[in-house]
Amino acid sequence: MMKLLTILAASFAVLTMPAMAEDAPLRIIYTTHSDSGNTFWLSVKKGMDDACALIKADCQMLLVSKVSDVQGQIANIQAAIAQSPDMIITSIPDNKAFDQVVKEAIDAGIPVIASNVDDFEGAKGNARLAFVGQDFILAGQALGRAIASKFPASGPVKALIGVNAPADNWSRARANGIIMAFKEWQSEHPDRKIVWDEIDAGLDYGTTGDRFGNYLTGNPDLNAYADTGFWDVGAVTVLKDRGIAPGQITMGGFDLVPDVLNTMKQGYIQFHIDQQPYLQGYAPVLQAPLIKKFKLSAYDVNTGSAVVTPDMVDDILQLSKDGYR
């Protein structure tokens, strides 16, 4: 990814900097549904900051005081509109709540690009111009298929899906993708029985650990756990406390925060899906001068759903600590 970004940055600088050298700095505001305690968003912000430095833009990221505070995020978008920036970048974690405020920005002549999370219906459901982020259904399928590859060779299978934010698009869509993969496995193994349950797994390690632990107590025959975020680290704490060996329950989730990579090195987590948050900050910013200066259309960027396994961790760990993965 770094080689690709270097090439893109060099090409962008050659094509646009001379033409924009005398222009006033662009003003870009990025609003999110996250609070400041989420390490994932540090990578998004680094990508934003690096791209803003490249195009010499004045950029700001607005967080909410509590994760998934929809009204707080809408208020941040309204505050951004009042500043008449050259672009607003925003996550859209709810299918209805952001329709009016995004349209308000578009009607005011402010380009809006969705990043990280989009409306389920994309451009049909929201007036945003483009989406930079992961296809959550496909990402869920990728994780579900990876976890299914570790199902026991015989006997029944029991799996648990941790839906960390049931009301948010990203979490529900990933869970739906995981279910699709499990159904696919079931159709390919008609002589086997698989059942799966869902829990509201929460958005911090402690909550996820408590709720996972409660489920495991009543279901000691659990074979696999799929988290829709990176809070499977909290579930691993339960495994350690109960003396359950690494690999006895297949574990997987999303994103490559340092806690996840360290836990993968210990053997407790077998799979994680990388959506490349750095790119979710970097790529939308680069569209601002192209839209402003050359009147080009906004474009979608699929930031991927690569499956990461423990043997890959050493090559990724420092990049994660530095905010690139």
Protein backbone atom coordinates (compact mmCIF):
# COMPACT_ATOMS: atom_id res chain seq x y z
CA MET A 1 0.00 0.00 0.00
CA MET A 2 2.79 2.44 0.86
CA LYS A 3 4.39 2.05 -2.59
CA LEU A 4 1.02 2.78 -4.24
CA LEU A 5 0.45 5.84 -2.05
CA THR A 6 3.93 7.15 -2.87
CA ILE A 7 3.26 6.82 -6.60
CA LEU A 8 -0.16 8.46 -6.27
CA ALA A 9 1.24 11.30 -4.19
CA ALA A 10 4.09 11.96 -6.63
CA SER A 11 1.74 11.92 -9.62
CA PHE A 12 -0.74 14.18 -7.84
CA ALA A 13 1.97 16.67 -6.93
CA VAL A 14 3.24 16.84 -10.50
CA LEU A 15 -0.24 17.26 -11.97
CA THR A 16 -1.77 19.73 -9.55
CA MET A 17 0.72 21.69 -7.49
CA PRO A 18 1.91 24.08 -10.23
CA ALA A 19 -1.69 24.78 -11.21
CA MET A 20 -2.67 25.51 -7.62
CA ALA A 21 0.42 27.26 -6.35
CA GLU A 22 -1.25 30.64 -6.14
CA ASP A 23 -4.64 29.42 -4.88
CA ALA A 24 -5.80 30.01 -1.33
CA PRO A 25 -5.55 26.90 0.87
CA LEU A 26 -8.55 24.61 0.66
CA ARG A 27 -10.66 24.20 3.79
CA ILE A 28 -11.69 20.57 4.48
CA ILE A 29 -13.68 19.31 7.47
CA TYR A 30 -13.96 15.60 8.32
CA THR A 31 -16.72 14.56 10.74
CA THR A 32 -16.99 11.07 12.26
CA HIS A 33 -19.19 8.96 14.53
CA SER A 34 -16.18 8.13 16.75
CA ASP A 35 -14.77 9.59 19.92
CA SER A 36 -11.11 10.33 20.60
CA GLY A 37 -10.51 7.03 22.40
CA ASN A 38 -10.77 4.84 19.29
CA THR A 39 -7.27 3.96 18.07
CA PHE A 40 -8.62 3.02 14.62
CA TRP A 41 -9.44 6.67 13.92
CA LEU A 42 -5.89 7.76 14.69
CA SER A 43 -4.89 6.02 11.44
CA VAL A 44 -7.70 7.74 9.54
CA LYS A 45 -6.58 11.11 10.90
CA LYS A 46 -2.96 10.43 9.97
CA GLY A 47 -4.05 9.70 6.42
CA MET A 48 -6.08 12.90 6.38
CA ASP A 49 -3.20 14.94 7.82
CA ASP A 50 -0.66 13.55 5.34
CA ALA A 51 -2.92 14.24 2.36
CA CYS A 52 -3.73 17.73 3.65
CA ALA A 53 -0.02 18.48 3.97
CA LEU A 54 0.50 17.29 0.40
CA ILE A 55 -2.12 19.61 -1.08
CA LYS A 56 -1.45 22.34 1.50
CA ALA A 57 -5.03 22.34 2.76
CA ASP A 58 -6.43 23.58 6.06
CA CYS A 59 -8.07 20.47 7.55
CA GLN A 60 -9.95 19.60 10.72
CA MET A 61 -11.43 16.35 12.05
CA LEU A 62 -14.49 16.67 14.30
CA LEU A 63 -15.15 13.79 16.70
CA VAL A 64 -18.10 13.19 19.01
CA SER A 65 -17.97 12.97 22.79
CA LYS A 66 -19.43 9.46 22.82
CA VAL A 67 -19.08 6.86 20.07
CA SER A 68 -22.08 6.63 17.70
CA ASP A 69 -23.60 9.87 19.00
CA VAL A 70 -25.72 10.52 15.92
CA GLN A 71 -27.09 13.88 17.06
CA GLY A 72 -23.62 15.04 18.06
CA GLN A 73 -22.25 14.14 14.63
CA ILE A 74 -25.12 15.88 12.86
CA ALA A 75 -24.43 18.98 14.94
CA ASN A 76 -20.77 18.79 13.85
CA ILE A 77 -21.82 18.60 10.19
CA GLN A 78 -24.11 21.60 10.66
CA ALA A 79 -21.24 23.50 12.27
CA ALA A 80 -19.04 22.54 9.33
CA ILE A 81 -21.65 23.79 6.82
CA ALA A 82 -21.72 27.13 8.62
CA GLN A 83 -18.00 27.52 7.86
CA SER A 84 -18.57 27.05 4.09
CA PRO A 85 -15.59 24.70 3.59
CA ASP A 86 -14.43 23.45 0.20
CA MET A 87 -15.33 19.87 1.17
CA ILE A 88 -16.98 17.92 3.96
CA ILE A 89 -15.98 14.30 4.51
CA THR A 90 -18.19 12.30 6.83
CA SER A 91 -19.05 8.81 7.93
CA ILE A 92 -22.73 7.86 7.52
CA PRO A 93 -23.50 5.23 10.18
CA ASP A 94 -27.30 5.60 9.95
CA ASN A 95 -29.47 5.14 6.84
CA LYS A 96 -31.90 7.98 7.56
CA ALA A 97 -30.50 10.39 10.14
CA PHE A 98 -27.91 12.01 7.84
CA ASP A 99 -30.05 12.43 4.72
CA GLN A 100 -31.22 15.98 5.43
CA VAL A 101 -27.96 17.43 6.72
CA VAL A 102 -25.93 16.03 3.82
CA LYS A 103 -28.46 17.40 1.34
CA GLU A 104 -28.22 20.74 3.12
CA ALA A 105 -24.47 20.77 2.50
CA ILE A 106 -24.85 19.72 -1.15
CA ASP A 107 -27.52 22.39 -1.70
CA ALA A 108 -25.08 24.94 -0.25
CA GLY A 109 -22.55 23.96 -2.92
CA ILE A 110 -20.28 22.00 -0.58
CA PRO A 111 -19.08 18.65 -1.95
CA VAL A 112 -19.67 15.81 0.52
CA ILE A 113 -17.82 12.50 0.38
CA ALA A 114 -18.74 9.63 2.67
CA SER A 115 -15.81 7.79 4.18
CA ASN A 116 -15.52 4.72 6.42
CA VAL A 117 -19.29 4.11 6.58
CA ASP A 118 -21.90 4.69 3.89
CA ASP A 119 -25.69 4.56 3.57
CA PHE A 120 -26.82 0.98 2.84
CA GLU A 121 -28.23 2.21 -0.49
CA GLY A 122 -25.23 4.32 -1.39
CA ALA A 123 -26.04 7.27 -3.66
CA LYS A 124 -29.69 6.13 -3.85
CA GLY A 125 -30.05 6.58 -0.11
CA ASN A 126 -27.97 9.69 0.51
CA ALA A 127 -26.93 12.75 -1.52
CA ARG A 128 -23.21 12.29 -0.79
CA LEU A 129 -21.13 12.33 -3.97
CA ALA A 130 -18.97 9.23 -3.44
CA PHE A 131 -17.83 6.69 -0.87
CA VAL A 132 -14.30 5.84 0.26
CA GLY A 133 -14.27 2.72 2.39
CA GLN A 134 -14.84 -0.98 2.73
CA ASP A 135 -17.68 -3.02 1.26
CA PHE A 136 -18.91 -4.33 4.61
CA ILE A 137 -20.94 -7.22 3.22
CA LEU A 138 -17.98 -8.55 1.23
CA ALA A 139 -15.69 -7.99 4.21
CA GLY A 140 -18.05 -9.94 6.45
CA GLN A 141 -18.10 -12.75 3.92
CA ALA A 142 -14.30 -12.76 3.82
CA LEU A 143 -14.10 -13.13 7.61
CA GLY A 144 -16.88 -15.73 7.72
CA ARG A 145 -15.18 -17.85 5.05
CA ALA A 146 -11.83 -17.60 6.81
CA ILE A 147 -13.33 -18.68 10.14
CA ALA A 148 -15.25 -21.50 8.44
CA SER A 149 -11.98 -22.86 7.10
CA LYS A 150 -11.09 -23.68 10.72
CA PHE A 151 -14.36 -25.40 11.62
CA PRO A 152 -13.92 -28.91 13.11
CA ALA A 153 -13.55 -31.67 10.52
CA SER A 154 -16.55 -33.53 11.91
CA GLY A 155 -19.52 -33.07 14.22
CA PRO A 156 -21.80 -30.06 14.74
CA VAL A 157 -20.52 -26.47 14.65
CA LYS A 158 -21.58 -23.65 16.96
CA ALA A 159 -20.55 -20.06 16.20
CA LEU A 160 -21.17 -16.70 17.82
CA ILE A 161 -21.29 -13.32 16.07
CA GLY A 162 -20.55 -10.23 18.15
CA VAL A 163 -22.55 -7.36 16.63
CA ASN A 164 -20.79 -4.51 18.39
CA ALA A 165 -23.15 -1.72 17.32
CA PRO A 166 -26.43 -3.28 16.14
CA ALA A 167 -27.90 0.07 15.08
CA ASP A 168 -24.88 1.11 12.98
CA ASN A 169 -24.52 0.30 9.28
CA TRP A 170 -20.96 -0.99 9.48
CA SER A 171 -21.61 -3.49 12.27
CA ARG A 172 -24.91 -4.84 10.94
CA ALA A 173 -23.62 -5.17 7.38
CA ARG A 174 -20.52 -7.06 8.46
CA ALA A 175 -22.63 -9.40 10.56
CA ASN A 176 -24.89 -9.99 7.55
CA GLY A 177 -21.85 -10.87 5.46
CA ILE A 178 -20.60 -13.32 8.10
CA ILE A 179 -24.01 -15.00 8.16
CA MET A 180 -23.95 -15.28 4.37
CA ALA A 181 -20.60 -17.06 4.57
CA PHE A 182 -21.87 -19.45 7.25
CA LYS A 183 -24.93 -20.26 5.12
CA GLU A 184 -22.61 -20.83 2.18
CA TRP A 185 -20.56 -23.28 4.24
CA GLN A 186 -23.74 -25.02 5.34
CA SER A 187 -24.84 -25.50 1.73
CA GLU A 188 -21.43 -26.94 0.87
CA HIS A 189 -21.60 -29.36 3.82
CA PRO A 190 -25.20 -30.64 3.77
CA ASP A 191 -24.28 -33.55 6.05
CA ARG A 192 -23.07 -31.17 8.80
CA LYS A 193 -25.04 -29.06 11.27
CA ILE A 194 -24.11 -25.46 12.01
CA VAL A 195 -25.88 -23.04 14.32
CA TRP A 196 -24.95 -19.46 15.15
CA ASP A 197 -26.16 -16.85 17.59
CA GLU A 198 -25.69 -13.10 17.86
CA ILE A 199 -24.97 -10.90 20.85
CA ASP A 200 -24.80 -7.15 21.26
CA ALA A 201 -21.06 -7.25 21.95
CA GLY A 202 -20.50 -3.58 22.84
CA LEU A 203 -17.79 -1.14 21.88
CA ASP A 204 -15.08 -1.68 24.48
CA TYR A 205 -12.98 -4.64 25.58
CA GLY A 206 -14.62 -4.95 28.99
CA THR A 207 -18.19 -5.04 27.69
CA THR A 208 -17.35 -7.48 24.91
CA GLY A 209 -15.48 -9.71 27.34
CA ASP A 210 -18.37 -9.78 29.82
CA ARG A 211 -21.01 -10.55 27.21
CA PHE A 212 -18.87 -13.12 25.44
CA GLY A 213 -18.05 -14.74 28.76
CA ASN A 214 -21.72 -14.97 29.74
CA TYR A 215 -22.51 -16.66 26.42
CA LEU A 216 -19.58 -19.06 26.71
CA THR A 217 -20.70 -20.15 30.18
CA GLY A 218 -23.99 -21.35 28.74
CA ASN A 219 -22.42 -22.67 25.54
CA PRO A 220 -19.13 -24.40 26.39
CA ASP A 221 -19.24 -26.22 23.03
CA LEU A 222 -18.60 -22.95 21.15
CA ASN A 223 -16.30 -23.43 18.14
CA ALA A 224 -15.90 -19.92 16.75
CA TYR A 225 -16.40 -16.24 17.55
CA ALA A 226 -16.61 -13.48 14.91
CA ASP A 227 -16.52 -9.87 16.10
CA THR A 228 -17.66 -7.06 13.79
CA GLY A 229 -14.90 -4.80 15.13
CA PHE A 230 -11.63 -5.24 17.00
CA TRP A 231 -13.17 -5.91 20.40
CA ASP A 232 -12.55 -9.65 20.12
CA VAL A 233 -9.46 -8.72 22.12
CA GLY A 234 -11.82 -8.47 25.11
CA ALA A 235 -13.18 -11.95 24.39
CA VAL A 236 -9.64 -13.32 24.34
CA THR A 237 -9.20 -12.11 27.93
CA VAL A 238 -11.99 -14.52 28.88
CA LEU A 239 -10.24 -17.40 27.13
CA LYS A 240 -7.03 -16.65 29.02
CA ASP A 241 -8.81 -16.36 32.36
CA ARG A 242 -10.53 -19.71 31.83
CA GLY A 243 -7.43 -21.52 30.66
CA ILE A 244 -8.74 -22.11 27.14
CA ALA A 245 -5.80 -22.72 24.83
CA PRO A 246 -5.13 -20.58 21.74
CA GLY A 247 -6.95 -21.97 18.73
CA GLN A 248 -9.46 -24.03 20.70
CA ILE A 249 -12.07 -21.43 19.73
CA THR A 250 -11.41 -19.80 16.36
CA MET A 251 -11.47 -16.00 16.73
CA GLY A 252 -11.67 -13.23 14.16
CA GLY A 253 -12.64 -9.60 13.66
CA PHE A 254 -11.78 -6.40 11.83
CA ASP A 255 -8.97 -3.85 11.77
CA LEU A 256 -5.31 -3.98 12.76
CA VAL A 257 -4.96 -1.91 15.90
CA PRO A 258 -1.82 -2.84 17.91
CA ASP A 259 -3.82 -4.73 20.58
CA VAL A 260 -5.20 -7.04 17.89
CA LEU A 261 -1.81 -7.71 16.33
CA ASN A 262 -0.21 -8.46 19.68
CA THR A 263 -3.04 -10.88 20.49
CA MET A 264 -2.66 -12.55 17.10
CA LYS A 265 1.01 -13.13 17.85
CA GLN A 266 -0.05 -15.02 20.97
CA GLY A 267 -2.17 -17.34 18.80
CA TYR A 268 -5.60 -16.46 20.19
CA ILE A 269 -6.89 -14.60 17.11
CA GLN A 270 -6.59 -16.37 13.78
CA PHE A 271 -8.04 -13.86 11.31
CA HIS A 272 -8.60 -10.11 11.00
CA ILE A 273 -9.83 -8.07 8.06
CA ASP A 274 -7.97 -4.89 7.14
CA GLN A 275 -10.00 -1.98 5.74
CA GLN A 276 -6.94 0.30 5.51
CA PRO A 277 -8.07 3.28 7.62
CA TYR A 278 -5.11 5.41 6.55
CA LEU A 279 -6.48 5.31 3.01
CA GLN A 280 -9.94 6.33 4.28
CA GLY A 281 -8.40 9.56 5.50
CA TYR A 282 -5.99 10.06 2.62
CA ALA A 283 -8.03 9.28 -0.51
CA PRO A 284 -11.05 11.57 0.01
CA VAL A 285 -8.85 14.58 0.78
CA LEU A 286 -7.04 14.23 -2.55
CA GLN A 287 -10.34 14.64 -4.36
CA ALA A 288 -10.93 18.14 -3.00
CA PRO A 289 -8.58 20.09 -5.30
CA LEU A 290 -9.61 17.98 -8.30
CA ILE A 291 -13.25 18.91 -7.69
CA LYS A 292 -12.51 22.55 -6.80
CA LYS A 293 -9.92 23.36 -9.46
CA PHE A 294 -10.80 21.08 -12.36
CA LYS A 295 -14.52 20.45 -11.71
CA LEU A 296 -13.96 16.70 -11.81
CA SER A 297 -16.52 14.30 -10.36
CA ALA A 298 -16.02 12.59 -7.02
CA TYR A 299 -15.18 8.90 -7.28
CA ASP A 300 -15.60 5.82 -5.10
CA VAL A 301 -12.61 4.04 -3.56
CA ASN A 302 -12.95 0.51 -2.16
CA THR A 303 -10.30 0.37 0.55
CA GLY A 304 -10.38 -3.43 0.65
CA SER A 305 -11.06 -6.44 2.83
CA ALA A 306 -7.74 -8.29 3.01
CA VAL A 307 -7.55 -11.28 5.35
CA VAL A 308 -4.62 -10.96 7.77
CA THR A 309 -3.26 -14.03 9.58
CA PRO A 310 -0.76 -14.36 12.46
CA ASP A 311 2.17 -15.15 10.13
CA MET A 312 1.78 -11.65 8.63
CA VAL A 313 1.84 -9.76 11.93
CA ASP A 314 5.56 -9.04 12.20
CA ASP A 315 5.55 -7.20 8.87
CA ILE A 316 2.52 -5.12 9.88
CA LEU A 317 3.02 -4.37 13.58
CA GLN A 318 5.31 -1.35 13.23
CA LEU A 319 3.16 0.05 10.40
CA SER A 320 0.15 -0.23 12.71
CA LYS A 321 1.98 1.54 15.54
CA ASP A 322 2.99 4.29 13.10
CA GLY A 323 -0.63 4.74 11.99
CA TYR A 324 -0.40 3.38 8.46
CA ARG A 325 -2.28 0.05 8.97
